[in-house]
Amino acid sequence: MKKIFSIIAVALCLSAVTTTVSAQETQAKFDKRIAKAEAGDADAMYKVASIYEKGKDEIAQDAKKALEWVEKAAAAGHTKALVKLGGIYHKGELVEKNDQKAFECYDKAAKSGDAKALYQLANAYEKGYNGTKDLDKAKELYTQSKAAGYDKADQALVKLAEKIAKRDPKKK
């Protein structure tokens, strides 16, 4: 019986040491990523934002820091960060809702040819985020998004074709 308790005690100690080492390694990796981000690496900025957004291991979730880093990554031209920031502005998460800024973010991101960015910009044209709806431009962008491999674009094109048909029965 003493042998079993000894084995359990050793296992618990090893588990605690492993957890501590793992947490230290996670913090060390995060510190390196922060250093890269602070040096201007847009990918690192976006990854730091993602970690703060969700929290990871010993890194606490922090929405304000996540927003700060996604804004920096977007300012550096990071496509995914621009799409993310556009969504933040559109939904009014942590910032005042601003569809014009959302549109501008999607427009910048779409210039890279990214399928999701093209889709979001098409949606912005369809809904009129920039103040004017443009269903023809939306169709063009959804088509580009579909060609780039974004699955949601196909369904959006079907729905948009119905809208266009109702607006102008001769156009499909």
Protein backbone atom coordinates (compact mmCIF):
# COMPACT_ATOMS: atom_id res chain seq x y z
CA MET A 1 0.00 0.00 0.00
CA LYS A 2 2.85 2.41 0.82
CA LYS A 3 4.34 1.63 -2.57
CA ILE A 4 1.10 2.66 -4.34
CA PHE A 5 0.95 5.95 -2.39
CA SER A 6 4.61 6.60 -3.21
CA ILE A 7 3.97 6.02 -6.92
CA ILE A 8 0.91 8.32 -6.84
CA ALA A 9 2.87 11.01 -4.98
CA VAL A 10 5.73 10.86 -7.52
CA ALA A 11 3.25 11.01 -10.42
CA LEU A 12 1.53 14.07 -8.92
CA CYS A 13 4.87 15.82 -8.42
CA LEU A 14 5.93 15.10 -12.00
CA SER A 15 2.59 16.37 -13.25
CA ALA A 16 2.99 19.63 -11.32
CA VAL A 17 6.55 20.11 -12.64
CA THR A 18 5.43 19.40 -16.22
CA THR A 19 2.55 21.89 -15.91
CA THR A 20 4.88 24.59 -14.55
CA VAL A 21 7.46 23.99 -17.29
CA SER A 22 4.70 24.01 -19.94
CA ALA A 23 3.33 27.33 -18.63
CA GLN A 24 6.82 28.83 -18.63
CA GLU A 25 7.41 27.63 -22.21
CA THR A 26 4.05 29.11 -23.28
CA GLN A 27 4.90 32.46 -21.68
CA ALA A 28 8.37 32.43 -23.25
CA LYS A 29 6.91 31.76 -26.73
CA PHE A 30 4.34 34.49 -26.20
CA ASP A 31 7.04 36.94 -25.08
CA LYS A 32 9.00 36.19 -28.28
CA ARG A 33 5.86 36.71 -30.38
CA ILE A 34 5.21 40.05 -28.60
CA ALA A 35 8.79 41.11 -29.36
CA LYS A 36 8.29 40.27 -33.06
CA ALA A 37 4.98 42.15 -33.08
CA GLU A 38 6.55 45.20 -31.45
CA ALA A 39 9.30 45.05 -34.10
CA GLY A 40 6.65 45.42 -36.81
CA ASP A 41 5.90 41.81 -37.84
CA ALA A 42 2.25 41.97 -38.98
CA ASP A 43 1.75 38.19 -38.74
CA ALA A 44 2.98 38.26 -35.15
CA MET A 45 0.68 41.22 -34.41
CA TYR A 46 -2.31 39.27 -35.70
CA LYS A 47 -1.34 36.14 -33.76
CA VAL A 48 -0.95 38.19 -30.55
CA ALA A 49 -4.41 39.66 -31.18
CA SER A 50 -5.84 36.15 -31.64
CA ILE A 51 -4.24 34.91 -28.43
CA TYR A 52 -5.59 37.85 -26.44
CA GLU A 53 -9.01 37.45 -28.05
CA LYS A 54 -9.43 33.85 -26.92
CA GLY A 55 -6.88 33.47 -24.16
CA LYS A 56 -4.43 30.61 -24.32
CA ASP A 57 -2.98 28.50 -21.55
CA GLU A 58 -1.58 31.01 -19.06
CA ILE A 59 -2.26 34.04 -21.30
CA ALA A 60 -5.47 35.65 -20.07
CA GLN A 61 -8.21 36.74 -22.45
CA ASP A 62 -8.09 40.53 -22.90
CA ALA A 63 -10.47 42.06 -25.43
CA LYS A 64 -8.91 45.54 -25.28
CA LYS A 65 -5.41 44.22 -25.99
CA ALA A 66 -6.83 42.02 -28.75
CA LEU A 67 -8.40 45.08 -30.38
CA GLU A 68 -5.19 47.07 -29.99
CA TRP A 69 -3.13 44.38 -31.74
CA VAL A 70 -5.66 43.71 -34.51
CA GLU A 71 -5.71 47.46 -35.24
CA LYS A 72 -1.90 47.47 -35.45
CA ALA A 73 -1.87 44.43 -37.74
CA ALA A 74 -4.54 46.01 -39.95
CA ALA A 75 -2.57 49.26 -40.12
CA ALA A 76 0.39 47.16 -41.27
CA GLY A 77 -1.79 45.78 -44.09
CA HIS A 78 -2.43 42.29 -42.70
CA THR A 79 -5.37 40.93 -44.73
CA LYS A 80 -6.94 38.76 -42.02
CA ALA A 81 -6.60 41.60 -39.53
CA LEU A 82 -8.35 43.98 -41.93
CA VAL A 83 -11.23 41.51 -42.35
CA LYS A 84 -11.41 41.00 -38.58
CA LEU A 85 -11.37 44.75 -37.92
CA GLY A 86 -14.06 45.27 -40.54
CA GLY A 87 -16.23 42.79 -38.66
CA ILE A 88 -15.55 44.55 -35.38
CA TYR A 89 -16.63 47.89 -36.86
CA HIS A 90 -19.69 46.36 -38.51
CA LYS A 91 -20.87 44.64 -35.33
CA GLY A 92 -19.88 47.49 -33.02
CA GLU A 93 -17.74 45.22 -30.84
CA LEU A 94 -15.51 47.25 -28.49
CA VAL A 95 -15.90 50.22 -30.84
CA GLU A 96 -18.81 52.31 -32.02
CA LYS A 97 -20.57 50.62 -34.94
CA ASN A 98 -19.29 52.16 -38.16
CA ASP A 99 -20.19 50.52 -41.46
CA GLN A 100 -18.15 53.02 -43.46
CA LYS A 101 -14.98 51.98 -41.60
CA ALA A 102 -16.00 48.32 -42.00
CA PHE A 103 -16.34 48.93 -45.75
CA GLU A 104 -12.90 50.57 -45.91
CA CYS A 105 -11.29 47.62 -44.09
CA TYR A 106 -12.93 45.10 -46.41
CA ASP A 107 -11.97 47.15 -49.46
CA LYS A 108 -8.28 47.25 -48.45
CA ALA A 109 -8.28 43.53 -47.63
CA ALA A 110 -9.98 42.55 -50.88
CA LYS A 111 -7.18 44.17 -52.90
CA SER A 112 -5.04 41.18 -51.86
CA GLY A 113 -7.44 38.81 -53.65
CA ASP A 114 -8.26 36.99 -50.40
CA ALA A 115 -11.47 34.96 -50.87
CA LYS A 116 -13.03 35.89 -47.51
CA ALA A 117 -12.14 39.56 -47.95
CA LEU A 118 -13.78 39.56 -51.39
CA TYR A 119 -16.87 37.94 -49.87
CA GLN A 120 -17.08 40.51 -47.06
CA LEU A 121 -16.66 43.39 -49.49
CA ALA A 122 -19.38 41.91 -51.72
CA ASN A 123 -21.66 41.69 -48.69
CA ALA A 124 -20.84 45.31 -47.84
CA TYR A 125 -21.85 46.40 -51.36
CA GLU A 126 -24.99 44.27 -51.18
CA LYS A 127 -26.02 45.80 -47.84
CA GLY A 128 -24.82 49.33 -48.65
CA TYR A 129 -22.16 49.77 -45.94
CA ASN A 130 -20.61 52.61 -47.91
CA GLY A 131 -23.94 54.41 -48.11
CA THR A 132 -25.00 53.02 -51.49
CA LYS A 133 -26.11 49.52 -52.39
CA ASP A 134 -24.52 48.16 -55.54
CA LEU A 135 -25.87 44.70 -56.35
CA ASP A 136 -23.94 44.46 -59.62
CA LYS A 137 -20.63 45.12 -57.84
CA ALA A 138 -21.67 42.65 -55.14
CA LYS A 139 -22.29 39.99 -57.79
CA GLU A 140 -18.88 40.65 -59.35
CA LEU A 141 -17.14 40.33 -55.99
CA TYR A 142 -19.08 37.24 -54.88
CA THR A 143 -18.11 35.64 -58.19
CA GLN A 144 -14.44 36.46 -57.54
CA SER A 145 -14.74 35.11 -54.00
CA LYS A 146 -16.29 31.88 -55.28
CA ALA A 147 -13.52 31.53 -57.89
CA ALA A 148 -10.97 32.00 -55.09
CA GLY A 149 -12.55 29.09 -53.22
CA TYR A 150 -14.84 30.66 -50.61
CA ASP A 151 -17.78 28.25 -50.23
CA LYS A 152 -20.25 30.77 -48.77
CA ALA A 153 -20.00 32.86 -51.92
CA ASP A 154 -21.94 30.30 -53.96
CA GLN A 155 -25.03 30.54 -51.74
CA ALA A 156 -24.69 34.33 -51.61
CA LEU A 157 -24.73 34.44 -55.42
CA VAL A 158 -27.96 32.41 -55.52
CA LYS A 159 -29.66 34.77 -53.04
CA LEU A 160 -28.30 37.82 -54.82
CA ALA A 161 -29.60 36.57 -58.18
CA GLU A 162 -33.07 36.41 -56.63
CA LYS A 163 -32.74 40.02 -55.41
CA ILE A 164 -31.53 41.19 -58.80
CA ALA A 165 -34.37 39.34 -60.56
CA LYS A 166 -36.92 41.07 -58.33
CA ARG A 167 -35.31 44.46 -58.95
CA ASP A 168 -35.04 43.99 -62.69
CA PRO A 169 -36.84 40.90 -64.05
CA LYS A 170 -34.89 41.10 -67.34
CA LYS A 171 -31.49 40.89 -65.55
CA LYS A 172 -30.27 37.61 -64.04
